[in-house]
Amino acid sequence: MKAFSPNHYNPLIIALITGLALSLTACGGGSSGSSGNDGSSNSSSQGNSDSAGNGNSSSGNQGNSGSTGNGNSGSGNSGSSGSSANTGCPTIDQAYKDAMLKKVNKLRSKGRYCFKNGVKTWKNPAPELKWNAKLETGTTKFANDMATYDYYNYFKEIYPKYKKLSAEDYNKLPLAKHIKQEDLNGHLQPDTSKAKVNDQYRLEDAITFSQRVGETNYIDPTKDAVAGENIAWSHNSSYPSFEMALKTAYYGSKNSTGWLQSHKGHCETLMDSAYQDFAMSCSYNKDTGKYYFVQLFGGHG
C-alpha cells in the first residue's frame, strides 16, 4: 500500500514548490515506494513561493516534489562553501551538511504554527534529523536538472488543460495510470533525456516524485515509509549570495512567501515528526542567475 500527495504554491521572485509528501506502507513483501506520485502536494511536505503544492504530512497521500542532493551547482559555478560574498552554491562537504542540519534542526526544535489550505495548526517540536546520503543523491540530481535546463514547475504552466478536467474524465486518460491529476499542481519533473515534441517536453514522459524517491533506493520495501519534499528557486539579482537565497527560501521576503509562511504544506513538512532523515541540495545556473533548492525528508516506521 502506498499513498502520496503533492503540494504547490506560487508567489514571485522566489519560487518554492510546495511540500510534497508520500507515505508508503509495505504490504506482504512490500514494494519499492516509487509508484504513486505527488507532483506538488504531499503526503508530507513542502513548498512555497512561486511554486505549487500542498505539502503535508507523513502518512497519507498528499505530498510533493521531492528530492535531495548534494548542493553542487548543476550548470553554474559552485562557489565556495562558507563565503556570503560568492555567488553560487557550496560544495556538499561535511561543513555544508552540518550547517544545513543545524538550520533545519533548530527550526524543528521549537513548536510553531503552520498553515495548510488556510487552516492554522500548532506543530510540536520535532526530533532532530540526520543526513542521509541516499536522499542526497535524489536532491542533487533534481536540483542540477532544474538548473541545467532552466525550468521550475514546468508542466503546471504547459498543460493547464488537464487540471480543468473532472476527476472522472481525467482518470479515463492513458496518462492517468502514471500521473495523478493532483500531481499537475507541480513537482513533476520533465524527462530531459528525451527529445522535446513541438518544443515541449511530453507530459507522458514526466518523472514523478515517487519515482525520484524510488531511484534513491532509500525506501526499504519491508517497512512502512514516508517521504516529503520542498523546493524553491530565487534569482541572484535580488539575492546575490547563497546565504541570502537560502534565508529567503525559508523566511520569504516582501515579494515572496517562504517555506515557513507557506499555506501549502511546506511548513508542515519541515515540522513533521515522522521524518528521521534529511538531505538538501542547491544548484546554480550562472547564465540565468537562478538558485534552485531541493529538500528531501524521509522516515521508516
Protein backbone atom coordinates (compact mmCIF):
# COMPACT_ATOMS: atom_id res chain seq x y z
CA MET A 1 0.00 0.00 0.00
CA LYS A 2 1.28 3.39 -0.87
CA ALA A 3 -0.13 6.83 -0.52
CA PHE A 4 1.19 10.01 -1.98
CA SER A 5 0.13 13.54 -2.26
CA PRO A 6 1.68 16.69 -3.75
CA ASN A 7 1.69 20.34 -2.86
CA HIS A 8 2.50 23.62 -4.52
CA TYR A 9 2.32 27.34 -4.19
CA ASN A 10 3.22 30.32 -6.34
CA PRO A 11 4.42 33.81 -5.48
CA LEU A 12 7.02 35.97 -7.16
CA ILE A 13 10.76 36.20 -7.15
CA ILE A 14 11.36 33.16 -5.02
CA ALA A 15 9.72 30.02 -6.13
CA LEU A 16 9.14 27.34 -3.62
CA ILE A 17 7.43 24.27 -4.71
CA THR A 18 5.18 23.19 -2.06
CA GLY A 19 5.78 20.48 0.35
CA LEU A 20 5.28 17.16 -1.07
CA ALA A 21 4.98 14.02 0.80
CA LEU A 22 4.18 10.42 0.44
CA SER A 23 3.64 7.58 2.76
CA LEU A 24 4.44 4.02 1.90
CA THR A 25 3.10 1.03 3.70
CA ALA A 26 4.66 -2.27 2.80
CA CYS A 27 2.14 -5.00 2.03
CA GLY A 28 3.25 -8.57 2.07
CA GLY A 29 6.70 -8.44 0.62
CA GLY A 30 6.46 -4.73 0.28
CA SER A 31 7.16 -2.63 -2.70
CA SER A 32 9.56 -0.02 -3.62
CA GLY A 33 7.89 3.25 -2.87
CA SER A 34 8.39 4.61 -6.27
CA SER A 35 4.91 4.32 -7.59
CA GLY A 36 2.31 6.91 -6.91
CA ASN A 37 3.36 10.44 -7.10
CA ASP A 38 2.97 13.79 -5.78
CA GLY A 39 3.68 16.29 -8.26
CA SER A 40 3.25 19.10 -5.95
CA SER A 41 1.41 18.18 -2.93
CA ASN A 42 2.32 15.91 -0.31
CA SER A 43 1.87 13.23 1.97
CA SER A 44 4.16 15.10 3.93
CA SER A 45 5.53 18.21 2.90
CA GLN A 46 6.65 21.28 1.15
CA GLY A 47 6.91 24.33 -0.56
CA ASN A 48 6.34 27.81 -1.23
CA SER A 49 6.74 30.99 -3.03
CA ASP A 50 6.35 30.90 -6.75
CA SER A 51 5.73 27.29 -6.57
CA ALA A 52 2.91 24.95 -6.28
CA GLY A 53 2.00 22.32 -3.85
CA ASN A 54 0.20 21.41 -0.72
CA GLY A 55 2.65 19.75 1.34
CA ASN A 56 1.56 17.76 4.11
CA SER A 57 2.03 15.09 6.45
CA SER A 58 3.70 11.81 6.63
CA SER A 59 1.09 9.25 6.25
CA GLY A 60 -1.47 9.91 3.72
CA ASN A 61 -1.34 10.96 0.32
CA GLN A 62 -0.56 14.50 -0.13
CA GLY A 63 2.94 15.36 -0.67
CA ASN A 64 5.01 16.61 -3.28
CA SER A 65 8.02 17.08 -5.09
CA GLY A 66 10.94 15.65 -3.51
CA SER A 67 14.49 15.07 -3.86
CA THR A 68 17.69 15.72 -2.19
CA GLY A 69 21.02 16.49 -3.41
CA ASN A 70 24.46 17.38 -2.89
CA GLY A 71 24.44 21.00 -3.38
CA ASN A 72 26.81 21.34 -6.25
CA SER A 73 25.67 23.70 -8.86
CA GLY A 74 24.22 21.85 -11.78
CA SER A 75 25.22 24.08 -14.53
CA GLY A 76 26.77 27.07 -12.94
CA ASN A 77 29.61 27.67 -10.65
CA SER A 78 29.69 26.04 -7.34
CA GLY A 79 31.02 28.86 -5.27
CA SER A 80 32.82 28.27 -2.06
CA SER A 81 31.15 26.79 0.89
CA GLY A 82 31.30 29.43 3.51
CA SER A 83 31.53 32.79 1.87
CA SER A 84 28.48 35.00 1.57
CA ALA A 85 30.38 37.14 -0.92
CA ASN A 86 30.42 34.40 -3.54
CA THR A 87 27.64 33.74 -5.98
CA GLY A 88 26.84 30.08 -6.48
CA CYS A 89 26.19 27.02 -4.36
CA PRO A 90 28.58 25.44 -1.87
CA THR A 91 30.07 22.04 -2.45
CA ILE A 92 28.38 19.40 -0.37
CA ASP A 93 31.07 18.64 2.14
CA GLN A 94 30.77 17.89 5.84
CA ALA A 95 30.69 21.57 6.75
CA TYR A 96 27.77 22.12 4.39
CA LYS A 97 25.86 19.11 5.74
CA ASP A 98 26.42 20.24 9.32
CA ALA A 99 25.22 23.75 8.50
CA MET A 100 22.06 22.57 6.72
CA LEU A 101 21.24 20.13 9.54
CA LYS A 102 21.86 22.78 12.19
CA LYS A 103 19.44 25.10 10.42
CA VAL A 104 16.60 22.64 9.93
CA ASN A 105 17.00 21.06 13.37
CA LYS A 106 16.97 24.45 15.07
CA LEU A 107 13.66 25.20 13.36
CA ARG A 108 12.26 21.79 14.37
CA SER A 109 13.37 22.23 17.99
CA LYS A 110 10.65 24.82 18.66
CA GLY A 111 6.91 24.45 18.27
CA ARG A 112 5.24 26.72 15.74
CA TYR A 113 2.04 27.32 13.86
CA CYS A 114 1.92 26.05 10.29
CA PHE A 115 -0.72 26.79 7.69
CA LYS A 116 -2.27 24.48 5.17
CA ASN A 117 -5.14 25.43 2.90
CA GLY A 118 -5.88 28.40 5.15
CA VAL A 119 -6.03 26.35 8.36
CA LYS A 120 -3.57 27.18 11.14
CA THR A 121 -2.31 24.17 13.11
CA TRP A 122 0.10 24.07 16.02
CA LYS A 123 3.07 21.78 15.41
CA ASN A 124 5.00 20.49 18.40
CA PRO A 125 8.81 20.38 18.40
CA ALA A 126 10.06 17.55 16.20
CA PRO A 127 13.04 15.19 16.67
CA GLU A 128 16.39 16.03 15.10
CA LEU A 129 17.07 14.85 11.58
CA LYS A 130 20.25 13.20 10.40
CA TRP A 131 21.84 13.49 6.98
CA ASN A 132 21.09 10.68 4.55
CA ALA A 133 23.40 10.02 1.60
CA LYS A 134 20.74 8.21 -0.44
CA LEU A 135 18.33 11.12 -0.20
CA GLU A 136 21.22 13.40 -1.14
CA THR A 137 21.62 11.66 -4.48
CA GLY A 138 17.99 12.44 -5.25
CA THR A 139 18.03 16.09 -4.30
CA THR A 140 21.26 16.70 -6.13
CA LYS A 141 20.02 15.13 -9.32
CA PHE A 142 16.75 17.07 -9.30
CA ALA A 143 18.31 20.43 -8.37
CA ASN A 144 21.00 20.06 -11.02
CA ASP A 145 18.45 19.12 -13.65
CA MET A 146 16.33 22.20 -12.90
CA ALA A 147 19.37 24.46 -13.06
CA THR A 148 20.84 22.89 -16.18
CA TYR A 149 17.61 23.01 -18.18
CA ASP A 150 16.27 26.18 -16.53
CA TYR A 151 12.80 25.02 -15.55
CA TYR A 152 10.67 25.12 -12.45
CA ASN A 153 7.19 23.71 -12.09
CA TYR A 154 7.34 23.13 -15.85
CA PHE A 155 4.20 21.10 -16.50
CA LYS A 156 1.89 23.25 -14.41
CA GLU A 157 2.33 26.08 -16.89
CA ILE A 158 2.46 23.99 -20.05
CA TYR A 159 -0.52 21.67 -19.58
CA PRO A 160 -3.22 23.61 -17.69
CA LYS A 161 -5.99 21.94 -19.72
CA TYR A 162 -5.62 18.68 -17.83
CA LYS A 163 -6.20 20.40 -14.49
CA LYS A 164 -9.63 21.56 -15.67
CA LEU A 165 -10.96 18.08 -16.39
CA SER A 166 -13.21 16.37 -13.85
CA ALA A 167 -11.51 13.59 -11.90
CA GLU A 168 -13.71 11.09 -13.72
CA ASP A 169 -12.71 12.35 -17.17
CA TYR A 170 -9.05 12.67 -16.21
CA ASN A 171 -8.92 9.09 -14.97
CA LYS A 172 -10.03 7.91 -18.40
CA LEU A 173 -6.83 9.25 -19.95
CA PRO A 174 -3.95 6.79 -20.51
CA LEU A 175 -1.53 9.09 -18.71
CA ALA A 176 -3.68 8.88 -15.52
CA LYS A 177 -2.15 5.45 -14.90
CA HIS A 178 1.18 7.16 -14.40
CA ILE A 179 0.39 10.75 -13.41
CA LYS A 180 -2.29 11.55 -10.87
CA GLN A 181 -4.31 14.68 -11.51
CA GLU A 182 -3.14 16.32 -8.28
CA ASP A 183 0.44 15.91 -9.45
CA LEU A 184 -0.20 18.51 -12.12
CA ASN A 185 0.00 21.17 -9.42
CA GLY A 186 3.75 20.88 -9.51
CA HIS A 187 6.74 18.67 -8.64
CA LEU A 188 6.52 16.76 -11.88
CA GLN A 189 9.93 16.59 -13.49
CA PRO A 190 10.25 16.67 -17.27
CA ASP A 191 12.35 13.84 -18.67
CA THR A 192 15.11 15.96 -20.16
CA SER A 193 16.83 12.87 -21.52
CA LYS A 194 14.10 12.64 -24.15
CA ALA A 195 13.62 14.96 -27.09
CA LYS A 196 11.00 17.69 -26.99
CA VAL A 197 7.92 17.44 -29.18
CA ASN A 198 6.85 20.75 -30.71
CA ASP A 199 9.37 22.44 -28.43
CA GLN A 200 7.80 20.97 -25.27
CA TYR A 201 8.64 18.04 -23.05
CA ARG A 202 5.86 15.47 -23.11
CA LEU A 203 3.68 15.18 -20.04
CA GLU A 204 3.52 11.44 -20.69
CA ASP A 205 7.27 11.22 -20.06
CA ALA A 206 7.17 13.12 -16.76
CA ILE A 207 9.09 11.74 -13.80
CA THR A 208 7.04 11.69 -10.61
CA PHE A 209 8.11 12.45 -7.07
CA SER A 210 7.65 8.85 -6.02
CA GLN A 211 9.79 7.68 -8.92
CA ARG A 212 12.56 10.05 -7.89
CA VAL A 213 12.43 8.80 -4.32
CA GLY A 214 12.42 5.21 -5.54
CA GLU A 215 15.54 5.83 -7.61
CA THR A 216 17.47 6.81 -4.49
CA ASN A 217 16.96 3.31 -3.03
CA TYR A 218 16.06 5.00 0.26
CA ILE A 219 12.77 3.16 0.67
CA ASP A 220 13.00 -0.19 2.44
CA PRO A 221 10.25 -2.32 0.83
CA THR A 222 9.83 -4.35 4.01
CA LYS A 223 8.95 -1.34 6.17
CA ASP A 224 6.38 1.43 6.28
CA ALA A 225 7.96 4.60 4.95
CA VAL A 226 7.24 8.28 4.47
CA ALA A 227 8.91 10.88 2.30
CA GLY A 228 8.40 14.55 1.57
CA GLU A 229 9.97 17.34 -0.41
CA ASN A 230 10.28 21.11 -0.54
CA ILE A 231 11.69 23.01 -3.49
CA ALA A 232 12.36 26.67 -4.17
CA TRP A 233 14.15 29.00 -6.55
CA SER A 234 15.40 32.56 -6.37
CA HIS A 235 17.32 34.98 -8.58
CA ASN A 236 20.68 36.47 -7.71
CA SER A 237 19.60 39.95 -8.80
CA SER A 238 17.64 40.08 -5.53
CA TYR A 239 19.60 37.51 -3.51
CA PRO A 240 23.22 37.71 -4.69
CA SER A 241 24.63 35.04 -2.39
CA PHE A 242 23.80 31.50 -1.40
CA GLU A 243 23.17 32.55 2.20
CA MET A 244 20.69 35.26 1.21
CA ALA A 245 18.88 32.98 -1.23
CA LEU A 246 18.65 30.22 1.40
CA LYS A 247 17.29 32.62 4.02
CA THR A 248 14.59 33.76 1.62
CA ALA A 249 13.63 30.18 0.82
CA TYR A 250 12.88 29.63 4.49
CA TYR A 251 11.53 33.01 5.55
CA GLY A 252 10.39 34.69 2.36
CA SER A 253 10.73 38.38 1.51
CA LYS A 254 8.48 41.31 0.70
CA ASN A 255 7.91 39.76 -2.73
CA SER A 256 7.59 36.11 -1.83
CA THR A 257 6.47 33.62 0.77
CA GLY A 258 8.99 31.28 2.37
CA TRP A 259 8.52 27.67 3.40
CA LEU A 260 7.68 28.64 6.98
CA GLN A 261 4.88 31.02 5.93
CA SER A 262 3.52 28.86 3.13
CA HIS A 263 -0.13 27.81 3.24
CA LYS A 264 0.62 24.83 1.02
CA GLY A 265 2.18 22.37 3.44
CA HIS A 266 5.86 23.28 3.33
CA CYS A 267 6.00 24.24 6.99
CA GLU A 268 4.19 21.03 7.94
CA THR A 269 6.77 19.05 6.06
CA LEU A 270 9.59 20.83 7.86
CA MET A 271 7.95 20.12 11.24
CA ASP A 272 6.76 16.56 10.62
CA SER A 273 7.86 14.28 13.46
CA ALA A 274 7.61 11.18 11.24
CA TYR A 275 10.84 12.11 9.48
CA GLN A 276 14.25 11.00 10.70
CA ASP A 277 16.39 11.54 7.60
CA PHE A 278 17.17 14.62 5.52
CA ALA A 279 19.20 15.97 2.64
CA MET A 280 19.26 19.30 0.85
CA SER A 281 20.86 20.39 -2.38
CA CYS A 282 21.45 23.69 -4.11
CA SER A 283 22.22 24.21 -7.78
CA TYR A 284 23.05 27.48 -9.50
CA ASN A 285 22.77 28.47 -13.16
CA LYS A 286 25.33 31.20 -13.80
CA ASP A 287 23.71 32.13 -17.12
CA THR A 288 20.26 32.82 -15.65
CA GLY A 289 21.41 33.76 -12.16
CA LYS A 290 18.92 31.37 -10.55
CA TYR A 291 19.39 29.28 -7.43
CA TYR A 292 17.40 26.06 -7.12
CA PHE A 293 16.89 24.37 -3.75
CA VAL A 294 15.60 20.87 -3.09
CA GLN A 295 14.96 19.36 0.35
CA LEU A 296 14.06 15.72 0.85
CA PHE A 297 12.78 14.19 4.07
CA GLY A 298 12.29 10.53 4.87
CA GLY A 299 11.40 8.12 7.64
CA HIS A 300 10.75 4.43 8.25
CA GLY A 301 8.29 3.03 10.75
